[in-house]
PDB file of N, CA and C in Angstrom:
ATOM      1  N   MET A   1       0.667  -1.416  -0.201  1.00  0.00           N
ATOM      2  CA  MET A   1      -0.204  -0.129   0.092  1.00  0.00           C
ATOM      3  C   MET A   1       0.692   1.265   0.012  1.00  0.00           C
ATOM      4  N   ILE A   2       0.887   2.120  -0.697  1.00  0.00           N
ATOM      5  CA  ILE A   2       1.497   3.354  -0.838  1.00  0.00           C
ATOM      6  C   ILE A   2       0.877   4.670   0.243  1.00  0.00           C
ATOM      7  N   LYS A   3       1.897   4.822   0.972  1.00  0.00           N
ATOM      8  CA  LYS A   3       1.460   5.980   1.769  1.00  0.00           C
ATOM      9  C   LYS A   3       1.055   7.362   1.232  1.00  0.00           C
ATOM     10  N   SER A   4       0.167   8.033   1.508  1.00  0.00           N
ATOM     11  CA  SER A   4       0.096   9.284   0.886  1.00  0.00           C
ATOM     12  C   SER A   4       0.515  10.493   2.137  1.00  0.00           C
ATOM     13  N   ASN A   5       0.716  11.363   1.623  1.00  0.00           N
ATOM     14  CA  ASN A   5       1.397  12.751   2.281  1.00  0.00           C
ATOM     15  C   ASN A   5       0.611  13.824   2.356  1.00  0.00           C
ATOM     16  N   GLU A   6      -0.935  13.281   1.865  1.00  0.00           N
ATOM     17  CA  GLU A   6      -1.806  14.289   2.055  1.00  0.00           C
ATOM     18  C   GLU A   6      -2.830  14.665   3.361  1.00  0.00           C
ATOM     19  N   ASN A   7      -2.796  15.859   3.587  1.00  0.00           N
ATOM     20  CA  ASN A   7      -3.339  16.149   4.891  1.00  0.00           C
ATOM     21  C   ASN A   7      -4.819  16.695   4.315  1.00  0.00           C
ATOM     22  N   SER A   8      -5.607  16.615   5.426  1.00  0.00           N
ATOM     23  CA  SER A   8      -7.050  17.543   5.006  1.00  0.00           C
ATOM     24  C   SER A   8      -6.578  19.194   5.445  1.00  0.00           C
ATOM     25  N   ILE A   9      -7.726  20.120   4.536  1.00  0.00           N
ATOM     26  CA  ILE A   9      -7.355  21.387   4.508  1.00  0.00           C
ATOM     27  C   ILE A   9      -7.366  21.771   6.350  1.00  0.00           C
ATOM     28  N   LYS A  10      -8.237  21.162   6.911  1.00  0.00           N
ATOM     29  CA  LYS A  10      -8.427  21.515   8.208  1.00  0.00           C
ATOM     30  C   LYS A  10      -7.438  21.297   9.136  1.00  0.00           C
ATOM     31  N   ASP A  11      -6.687  20.159   8.557  1.00  0.00           N
ATOM     32  CA  ASP A  11      -5.387  19.907   9.634  1.00  0.00           C
ATOM     33  C   ASP A  11      -4.156  20.952   9.386  1.00  0.00           C
ATOM     34  N   VAL A  12      -4.078  21.150   7.904  1.00  0.00           N
ATOM     35  CA  VAL A  12      -3.062  22.176   7.355  1.00  0.00           C
ATOM     36  C   VAL A  12      -3.505  23.313   8.014  1.00  0.00           C
ATOM     37  N   ILE A  13      -4.657  23.823   8.307  1.00  0.00           N
ATOM     38  CA  ILE A  13      -4.823  25.298   8.910  1.00  0.00           C
ATOM     39  C   ILE A  13      -4.378  25.201  10.184  1.00  0.00           C
ATOM     40  N   LYS A  14      -4.980  24.179  10.864  1.00  0.00           N
ATOM     41  CA  LYS A  14      -4.568  24.148  12.505  1.00  0.00           C
ATOM     42  C   LYS A  14      -3.182  24.071  12.478  1.00  0.00           C
ATOM     43  N   GLU A  15      -2.223  23.262  11.573  1.00  0.00           N
ATOM     44  CA  GLU A  15      -0.713  23.552  11.933  1.00  0.00           C
ATOM     45  C   GLU A  15      -0.259  24.958  11.657  1.00  0.00           C
ATOM     46  N   LEU A  16      -0.876  25.644  10.689  1.00  0.00           N
ATOM     47  CA  LEU A  16      -0.375  26.914  10.329  1.00  0.00           C
ATOM     48  C   LEU A  16      -0.733  27.775  11.311  1.00  0.00           C
ATOM     49  N   LEU A  17      -1.977  27.805  11.982  1.00  0.00           N
ATOM     50  CA  LEU A  17      -2.346  28.553  12.980  1.00  0.00           C
ATOM     51  C   LEU A  17      -1.308  28.510  14.188  1.00  0.00           C
ATOM     52  N   ASN A  18      -1.145  27.202  14.359  1.00  0.00           N
ATOM     53  CA  ASN A  18      -0.109  26.931  15.649  1.00  0.00           C
ATOM     54  C   ASN A  18       0.972  27.249  15.320  1.00  0.00           C
ATOM     55  N   ALA A  19       2.133  27.332  13.968  1.00  0.00           N
ATOM     56  CA  ALA A  19       3.150  27.450  13.818  1.00  0.00           C
ATOM     57  C   ALA A  19       3.283  29.198  13.859  1.00  0.00           C
ATOM     58  N   TYR A  20       2.490  29.993  13.439  1.00  0.00           N
ATOM     59  CA  TYR A  20       2.557  31.306  13.438  1.00  0.00           C
ATOM     60  C   TYR A  20       1.872  31.604  14.692  1.00  0.00           C
ATOM     61  N   LYS A  21       1.186  31.012  15.491  1.00  0.00           N
ATOM     62  CA  LYS A  21       0.844  31.648  16.943  1.00  0.00           C
ATOM     63  C   LYS A  21      -0.344  32.516  16.707  1.00  0.00           C
ATOM     64  N   LEU A  22      -1.282  31.920  15.745  1.00  0.00           N
ATOM     65  CA  LEU A  22      -2.398  32.937  15.291  1.00  0.00           C
ATOM     66  C   LEU A  22      -3.489  32.388  15.965  1.00  0.00           C
ATOM     67  N   ASN A  23      -3.905  31.488  16.795  1.00  0.00           N
ATOM     68  CA  ASN A  23      -5.048  30.876  17.761  1.00  0.00           C
ATOM     69  C   ASN A  23      -5.316  31.878  18.631  1.00  0.00           C
ATOM     70  N   SER A  24      -4.650  32.726  19.689  1.00  0.00           N
ATOM     71  CA  SER A  24      -5.320  33.709  20.374  1.00  0.00           C
ATOM     72  C   SER A  24      -5.988  34.639  19.360  1.00  0.00           C
ATOM     73  N   LYS A  25      -5.426  35.349  18.267  1.00  0.00           N
ATOM     74  CA  LYS A  25      -5.949  36.278  17.541  1.00  0.00           C
ATOM     75  C   LYS A  25      -7.253  36.011  17.155  1.00  0.00           C
ATOM     76  N   LEU A  26      -7.335  34.464  16.379  1.00  0.00           N
ATOM     77  CA  LEU A  26      -8.530  34.018  15.769  1.00  0.00           C
ATOM     78  C   LEU A  26      -9.737  33.997  17.052  1.00  0.00           C
ATOM     79  N   ASN A  27      -9.132  33.463  18.328  1.00  0.00           N
ATOM     80  CA  ASN A  27     -10.300  33.469  19.394  1.00  0.00           C
ATOM     81  C   ASN A  27     -10.804  34.836  19.645  1.00  0.00           C
ATOM     82  N   GLU A  28      -9.850  35.751  19.529  1.00  0.00           N
ATOM     83  CA  GLU A  28     -10.337  37.232  20.119  1.00  0.00           C
ATOM     84  C   GLU A  28     -11.271  37.719  19.083  1.00  0.00           C
ATOM     85  N   THR A  29     -10.888  37.466  17.845  1.00  0.00           N
ATOM     86  CA  THR A  29     -11.875  37.859  16.674  1.00  0.00           C
ATOM     87  C   THR A  29     -13.318  37.238  16.924  1.00  0.00           C
ATOM     88  N   LYS A  30     -13.007  35.660  17.155  1.00  0.00           N
ATOM     89  CA  LYS A  30     -14.334  35.153  17.342  1.00  0.00           C
ATOM     90  C   LYS A  30     -15.450  35.557  18.283  1.00  0.00           C
ATOM     91  N   VAL A  31     -14.683  36.188  19.395  1.00  0.00           N
ATOM     92  CA  VAL A  31     -15.314  36.498  20.789  1.00  0.00           C
ATOM     93  C   VAL A  31     -16.106  38.117  20.159  1.00  0.00           C
ATOM     94  N   ILE A  32     -15.192  38.936  19.701  1.00  0.00           N
ATOM     95  CA  ILE A  32     -15.346  40.222  19.240  1.00  0.00           C
ATOM     96  C   ILE A  32     -16.856  39.772  18.191  1.00  0.00           C
ATOM     97  N   SER A  33     -16.638  39.172  17.450  1.00  0.00           N
ATOM     98  CA  SER A  33     -17.368  39.201  16.333  1.00  0.00           C
ATOM     99  C   SER A  33     -18.824  38.681  17.037  1.00  0.00           C
ATOM    100  N   SER A  34     -18.727  37.870  17.887  1.00  0.00           N
ATOM    101  CA  SER A  34     -19.735  37.282  18.552  1.00  0.00           C
ATOM    102  C   SER A  34     -20.658  38.128  19.859  1.00  0.00           C
ATOM    103  N   TRP A  35     -19.864  39.011  20.247  1.00  0.00           N
ATOM    104  CA  TRP A  35     -20.529  39.780  21.534  1.00  0.00           C
ATOM    105  C   TRP A  35     -21.719  40.337  21.216  1.00  0.00           C
ATOM    106  N   GLU A  36     -22.166  40.983  20.486  1.00  0.00           N
ATOM    107  CA  GLU A  36     -23.455  41.458  20.167  1.00  0.00           C
ATOM    108  C   GLU A  36     -24.628  40.491  20.187  1.00  0.00           C
ATOM    109  N   LYS A  37     -24.282  39.261  19.912  1.00  0.00           N
ATOM    110  CA  LYS A  37     -25.232  38.048  19.863  1.00  0.00           C
ATOM    111  C   LYS A  37     -25.355  37.687  21.330  1.00  0.00           C
ATOM    112  N   ILE A  38     -24.349  37.670  21.765  1.00  0.00           N
ATOM    113  CA  ILE A  38     -24.192  37.309  23.271  1.00  0.00           C
ATOM    114  C   ILE A  38     -24.729  37.868  24.334  1.00  0.00           C
ATOM    115  N   VAL A  39     -24.513  39.616  24.182  1.00  0.00           N
ATOM    116  CA  VAL A  39     -24.628  40.241  25.204  1.00  0.00           C
ATOM    117  C   VAL A  39     -26.084  41.249  24.824  1.00  0.00           C
ATOM    118  N   GLY A  40     -26.470  41.110  23.607  1.00  0.00           N
ATOM    119  CA  GLY A  40     -27.616  41.863  22.907  1.00  0.00           C
ATOM    120  C   GLY A  40     -27.329  43.425  22.570  1.00  0.00           C
ATOM    121  N   LYS A  41     -28.009  43.570  21.641  1.00  0.00           N
ATOM    122  CA  LYS A  41     -27.968  45.349  20.991  1.00  0.00           C
ATOM    123  C   LYS A  41     -27.709  46.394  21.972  1.00  0.00           C
ATOM    124  N   ILE A  42     -28.231  46.171  22.890  1.00  0.00           N
ATOM    125  CA  ILE A  42     -28.296  47.512  23.929  1.00  0.00           C
ATOM    126  C   ILE A  42     -27.103  47.350  24.451  1.00  0.00           C
ATOM    127  N   ILE A  43     -26.489  46.418  25.283  1.00  0.00           N
ATOM    128  CA  ILE A  43     -25.040  46.501  26.137  1.00  0.00           C
ATOM    129  C   ILE A  43     -24.185  46.513  24.682  1.00  0.00           C
ATOM    130  N   SER A  44     -24.281  46.169  23.710  1.00  0.00           N
ATOM    131  CA  SER A  44     -23.262  45.941  22.531  1.00  0.00           C
ATOM    132  C   SER A  44     -23.075  47.634  21.969  1.00  0.00           C
ATOM    133  N   VAL A  45     -24.088  48.139  22.056  1.00  0.00           N
ATOM    134  CA  VAL A  45     -24.039  49.851  21.784  1.00  0.00           C
ATOM    135  C   VAL A  45     -23.240  50.520  22.926  1.00  0.00           C
ATOM    136  N   HIS A  46     -23.373  50.205  24.059  1.00  0.00           N
ATOM    137  CA  HIS A  46     -22.286  50.654  25.090  1.00  0.00           C
ATOM    138  C   HIS A  46     -21.004  50.111  25.481  1.00  0.00           C
ATOM    139  N   THR A  47     -20.781  49.587  24.687  1.00  0.00           N
ATOM    140  CA  THR A  47     -19.383  48.825  24.681  1.00  0.00           C
ATOM    141  C   THR A  47     -18.176  49.751  23.816  1.00  0.00           C
ATOM    142  N   GLU A  48     -17.430  50.142  24.534  1.00  0.00           N
ATOM    143  CA  GLU A  48     -16.582  51.213  23.839  1.00  0.00           C
ATOM    144  C   GLU A  48     -15.402  50.312  23.161  1.00  0.00           C
ATOM    145  N   LYS A  49     -14.716  49.087  23.997  1.00  0.00           N
ATOM    146  CA  LYS A  49     -13.637  48.609  23.436  1.00  0.00           C
ATOM    147  C   LYS A  49     -13.818  47.300  24.197  1.00  0.00           C
ATOM    148  N   ILE A  50     -13.320  46.261  23.379  1.00  0.00           N
ATOM    149  CA  ILE A  50     -13.193  44.757  24.182  1.00  0.00           C
ATOM    150  C   ILE A  50     -12.057  44.001  23.432  1.00  0.00           C
ATOM    151  N   TYR A  51     -11.318  43.609  24.193  1.00  0.00           N
ATOM    152  CA  TYR A  51     -10.096  42.825  23.582  1.00  0.00           C
ATOM    153  C   TYR A  51      -9.698  41.593  24.699  1.00  0.00           C
ATOM    154  N   LEU A  52      -8.970  40.638  24.162  1.00  0.00           N
ATOM    155  CA  LEU A  52      -8.361  39.314  24.605  1.00  0.00           C
ATOM    156  C   LEU A  52      -6.974  39.476  25.212  1.00  0.00           C
ATOM    157  N   LYS A  53      -6.874  39.164  26.134  1.00  0.00           N
ATOM    158  CA  LYS A  53      -5.157  38.880  26.501  1.00  0.00           C
ATOM    159  C   LYS A  53      -5.291  37.561  27.287  1.00  0.00           C
ATOM    160  N   LYS A  54      -4.427  36.541  26.743  1.00  0.00           N
ATOM    161  CA  LYS A  54      -4.252  35.562  27.189  1.00  0.00           C
ATOM    162  C   LYS A  54      -5.778  34.703  27.373  1.00  0.00           C
ATOM    163  N   ASP A  55      -6.215  34.452  28.566  1.00  0.00           N
ATOM    164  CA  ASP A  55      -7.712  34.054  28.773  1.00  0.00           C
ATOM    165  C   ASP A  55      -8.401  34.992  29.579  1.00  0.00           C
ATOM    166  N   ILE A  56      -8.056  36.407  29.454  1.00  0.00           N
ATOM    167  CA  ILE A  56      -8.959  36.955  29.908  1.00  0.00           C
ATOM    168  C   ILE A  56      -9.470  38.194  29.174  1.00  0.00           C
ATOM    169  N   LEU A  57     -10.674  38.423  28.978  1.00  0.00           N
ATOM    170  CA  LEU A  57     -11.369  39.335  28.177  1.00  0.00           C
ATOM    171  C   LEU A  57     -11.468  40.674  29.093  1.00  0.00           C
ATOM    172  N   PHE A  58     -11.197  41.976  28.250  1.00  0.00           N
ATOM    173  CA  PHE A  58     -11.015  43.145  29.182  1.00  0.00           C
ATOM    174  C   PHE A  58     -12.367  44.006  28.031  1.00  0.00           C
ATOM    175  N   VAL A  59     -13.383  44.149  28.783  1.00  0.00           N
ATOM    176  CA  VAL A  59     -14.249  45.247  28.164  1.00  0.00           C
ATOM    177  C   VAL A  59     -14.415  46.399  28.950  1.00  0.00           C
ATOM    178  N   LYS A  60     -14.542  47.397  28.205  1.00  0.00           N
ATOM    179  CA  LYS A  60     -14.618  49.019  28.655  1.00  0.00           C
ATOM    180  C   LYS A  60     -16.166  49.559  28.246  1.00  0.00           C
ATOM    181  N   PHE A  61     -16.913  49.823  28.989  1.00  0.00           N
ATOM    182  CA  PHE A  61     -18.330  50.584  28.776  1.00  0.00           C
ATOM    183  C   PHE A  61     -18.264  51.922  28.971  1.00  0.00           C
ATOM    184  N   ASP A  62     -19.078  52.537  28.077  1.00  0.00           N
ATOM    185  CA  ASP A  62     -19.417  54.161  28.160  1.00  0.00           C
ATOM    186  C   ASP A  62     -20.058  54.629  29.515  1.00  0.00           C
ATOM    187  N   SER A  63     -20.584  53.399  30.620  1.00  0.00           N
ATOM    188  CA  SER A  63     -21.564  53.695  31.556  1.00  0.00           C
ATOM    189  C   SER A  63     -21.051  53.050  32.603  1.00  0.00           C
ATOM    190  N   ALA A  64     -20.630  53.674  33.908  1.00  0.00           N
ATOM    191  CA  ALA A  64     -20.362  52.972  35.129  1.00  0.00           C
ATOM    192  C   ALA A  64     -21.544  51.769  35.653  1.00  0.00           C
ATOM    193  N   ALA A  65     -22.523  52.416  35.483  1.00  0.00           N
ATOM    194  CA  ALA A  65     -23.787  51.680  35.955  1.00  0.00           C
ATOM    195  C   ALA A  65     -23.855  50.521  35.130  1.00  0.00           C
ATOM    196  N   LEU A  66     -23.604  50.464  34.118  1.00  0.00           N
ATOM    197  CA  LEU A  66     -23.447  49.280  33.160  1.00  0.00           C
ATOM    198  C   LEU A  66     -22.484  48.275  33.479  1.00  0.00           C
ATOM    199  N   ARG A  67     -21.420  49.280  33.850  1.00  0.00           N
ATOM    200  CA  ARG A  67     -19.896  48.082  33.918  1.00  0.00           C
ATOM    201  C   ARG A  67     -20.509  47.506  35.441  1.00  0.00           C
ATOM    202  N   ASN A  68     -21.053  48.101  36.316  1.00  0.00           N
ATOM    203  CA  ASN A  68     -21.513  47.511  37.557  1.00  0.00           C
ATOM    204  C   ASN A  68     -22.527  46.320  37.466  1.00  0.00           C
ATOM    205  N   GLU A  69     -23.400  46.625  36.690  1.00  0.00           N
ATOM    206  CA  GLU A  69     -24.572  45.865  36.459  1.00  0.00           C
ATOM    207  C   GLU A  69     -23.787  44.334  35.982  1.00  0.00           C
ATOM    208  N   MET A  70     -22.835  44.620  35.106  1.00  0.00           N
ATOM    209  CA  MET A  70     -22.508  43.607  34.222  1.00  0.00           C
ATOM    210  C   MET A  70     -21.768  42.593  35.230  1.00  0.00           C
ATOM    211  N   LEU A  71     -20.900  42.977  36.136  1.00  0.00           N
ATOM    212  CA  LEU A  71     -20.198  42.472  37.324  1.00  0.00           C
ATOM    213  C   LEU A  71     -20.916  41.212  38.134  1.00  0.00           C
ATOM    214  N   TYR A  72     -22.257  41.720  37.867  1.00  0.00           N
ATOM    215  CA  TYR A  72     -23.160  40.675  38.627  1.00  0.00           C
ATOM    216  C   TYR A  72     -23.535  39.399  37.951  1.00  0.00           C
ATOM    217  N   SER A  73     -23.348  39.454  36.497  1.00  0.00           N
ATOM    218  CA  SER A  73     -23.548  38.673  35.480  1.00  0.00           C
ATOM    219  C   SER A  73     -22.292  38.168  34.986  1.00  0.00           C
ATOM    220  N   LYS A  74     -21.091  38.079  35.452  1.00  0.00           N
ATOM    221  CA  LYS A  74     -19.709  37.561  34.863  1.00  0.00           C
ATOM    222  C   LYS A  74     -19.670  35.877  34.599  1.00  0.00           C
ATOM    223  N   GLU A  75     -20.021  35.541  35.659  1.00  0.00           N
ATOM    224  CA  GLU A  75     -19.598  34.052  35.513  1.00  0.00           C
ATOM    225  C   GLU A  75     -20.752  33.488  33.941  1.00  0.00           C
ATOM    226  N   LYS A  76     -22.047  34.123  34.418  1.00  0.00           N
ATOM    227  CA  LYS A  76     -22.848  33.337  33.298  1.00  0.00           C
ATOM    228  C   LYS A  76     -22.312  34.158  31.906  1.00  0.00           C
ATOM    229  N   LEU A  77     -21.643  35.022  31.815  1.00  0.00           N
ATOM    230  CA  LEU A  77     -21.292  35.908  30.549  1.00  0.00           C
ATOM    231  C   LEU A  77     -19.978  34.801  30.132  1.00  0.00           C
ATOM    232  N   ILE A  78     -19.366  34.409  31.094  1.00  0.00           N
ATOM    233  CA  ILE A  78     -17.879  33.779  30.266  1.00  0.00           C
ATOM    234  C   ILE A  78     -18.815  32.237  29.820  1.00  0.00           C
ATOM    235  N   LYS A  79     -19.587  31.793  30.752  1.00  0.00           N
ATOM    236  CA  LYS A  79     -20.174  30.419  30.328  1.00  0.00           C
ATOM    237  C   LYS A  79     -20.798  30.380  28.759  1.00  0.00           C
ATOM    238  N   MET A  80     -21.470  31.585  28.666  1.00  0.00           N
ATOM    239  CA  MET A  80     -22.317  32.176  27.256  1.00  0.00           C
ATOM    240  C   MET A  80     -21.264  32.210  26.214  1.00  0.00           C
ATOM    241  N   ILE A  81     -20.053  33.049  26.169  1.00  0.00           N
ATOM    242  CA  ILE A  81     -19.519  33.189  25.322  1.00  0.00           C
ATOM    243  C   ILE A  81     -18.174  31.949  25.022  1.00  0.00           C
ATOM    244  N   ASN A  82     -17.841  31.148  25.805  1.00  0.00           N
ATOM    245  CA  ASN A  82     -17.442  29.723  25.817  1.00  0.00           C
ATOM    246  C   ASN A  82     -18.114  28.786  25.183  1.00  0.00           C
ATOM    247  N   LYS A  83     -19.308  28.728  25.261  1.00  0.00           N
ATOM    248  CA  LYS A  83     -20.302  27.824  24.875  1.00  0.00           C
ATOM    249  C   LYS A  83     -20.468  28.758  23.358  1.00  0.00           C
ATOM    250  N   GLU A  84     -20.493  29.854  22.898  1.00  0.00           N
ATOM    251  CA  GLU A  84     -20.444  30.431  21.520  1.00  0.00           C
ATOM    252  C   GLU A  84     -19.637  29.785  20.850  1.00  0.00           C
ATOM    253  N   ILE A  85     -18.298  30.297  21.477  1.00  0.00           N
ATOM    254  CA  ILE A  85     -17.061  30.066  20.769  1.00  0.00           C
ATOM    255  C   ILE A  85     -16.969  28.300  20.584  1.00  0.00           C
ATOM    256  N   LYS A  86     -17.406  27.733  21.200  1.00  0.00           N
ATOM    257  CA  LYS A  86     -17.296  26.102  21.339  1.00  0.00           C
ATOM    258  C   LYS A  86     -16.215  25.605  21.731  1.00  0.00           C
ATOM    259  N   LYS A  87     -15.373  26.620  22.773  1.00  0.00           N
ATOM    260  CA  LYS A  87     -13.846  25.743  23.421  1.00  0.00           C
ATOM    261  C   LYS A  87     -13.876  26.978  24.592  1.00  0.00           C
ATOM    262  N   LYS A  88     -13.290  26.606  25.595  1.00  0.00           N
ATOM    263  CA  LYS A  88     -12.655  27.632  26.675  1.00  0.00           C
ATOM    264  C   LYS A  88     -11.836  28.538  26.473  1.00  0.00           C
ATOM    265  N   VAL A  89     -12.095  29.560  26.121  1.00  0.00           N
ATOM    266  CA  VAL A  89     -11.391  30.532  25.760  1.00  0.00           C
ATOM    267  C   VAL A  89     -11.026  31.213  26.767  1.00  0.00           C
ATOM    268  N   ILE A  90     -12.339  31.939  27.502  1.00  0.00           N
ATOM    269  CA  ILE A  90     -12.490  33.005  28.682  1.00  0.00           C
ATOM    270  C   ILE A  90     -12.281  32.144  30.112  1.00  0.00           C
ATOM    271  N   LYS A  91     -11.527  32.684  30.616  1.00  0.00           N
ATOM    272  CA  LYS A  91     -11.582  32.069  32.131  1.00  0.00           C
ATOM    273  C   LYS A  91     -11.774  33.589  33.259  1.00  0.00           C
ATOM    274  N   ASP A  92     -11.703  34.437  32.432  1.00  0.00           N
ATOM    275  CA  ASP A  92     -12.009  35.535  33.450  1.00  0.00           C
ATOM    276  C   ASP A  92     -12.546  37.399  32.738  1.00  0.00           C
ATOM    277  N   ILE A  93     -13.281  37.855  33.186  1.00  0.00           N
ATOM    278  CA  ILE A  93     -13.640  39.013  32.431  1.00  0.00           C
ATOM    279  C   ILE A  93     -13.284  40.422  33.288  1.00  0.00           C
ATOM    280  N   LYS A  94     -12.806  41.067  32.926  1.00  0.00           N
ATOM    281  CA  LYS A  94     -12.282  42.757  33.738  1.00  0.00           C
ATOM    282  C   LYS A  94     -13.176  43.432  32.879  1.00  0.00           C
ATOM    283  N   PHE A  95     -14.038  44.265  33.631  1.00  0.00           N
ATOM    284  CA  PHE A  95     -14.826  45.408  33.153  1.00  0.00           C
ATOM    285  C   PHE A  95     -13.632  46.678  33.474  1.00  0.00           C
ATOM    286  N   ILE A  96     -13.615  47.358  32.320  1.00  0.00           N
ATOM    287  CA  ILE A  96     -12.929  48.605  32.683  1.00  0.00           C
ATOM    288  C   ILE A  96     -13.518  49.961  32.226  1.00  0.00           C
TER     289      ILE A  96
END
């Protein structure tokens, strides 16, 4: 039997992402693009900045009251984001 060097496109893409260390940026992009779907239009409108550093999501709101309210939903939000992304990307959220 002849052994083939062919890999699936999925495997090749995974290898490239790992080789160039782009997984974290890809995860950040997924979180940012799904932010409105997860939190809703109203909260999304008041979100000024969102970024991922290691496994911590940093979110800046234009309202201190909203920031305080979101603190109460932090654990639920982490679960919702990880479920949407389909992997455990976020371990903590810092509201700034």
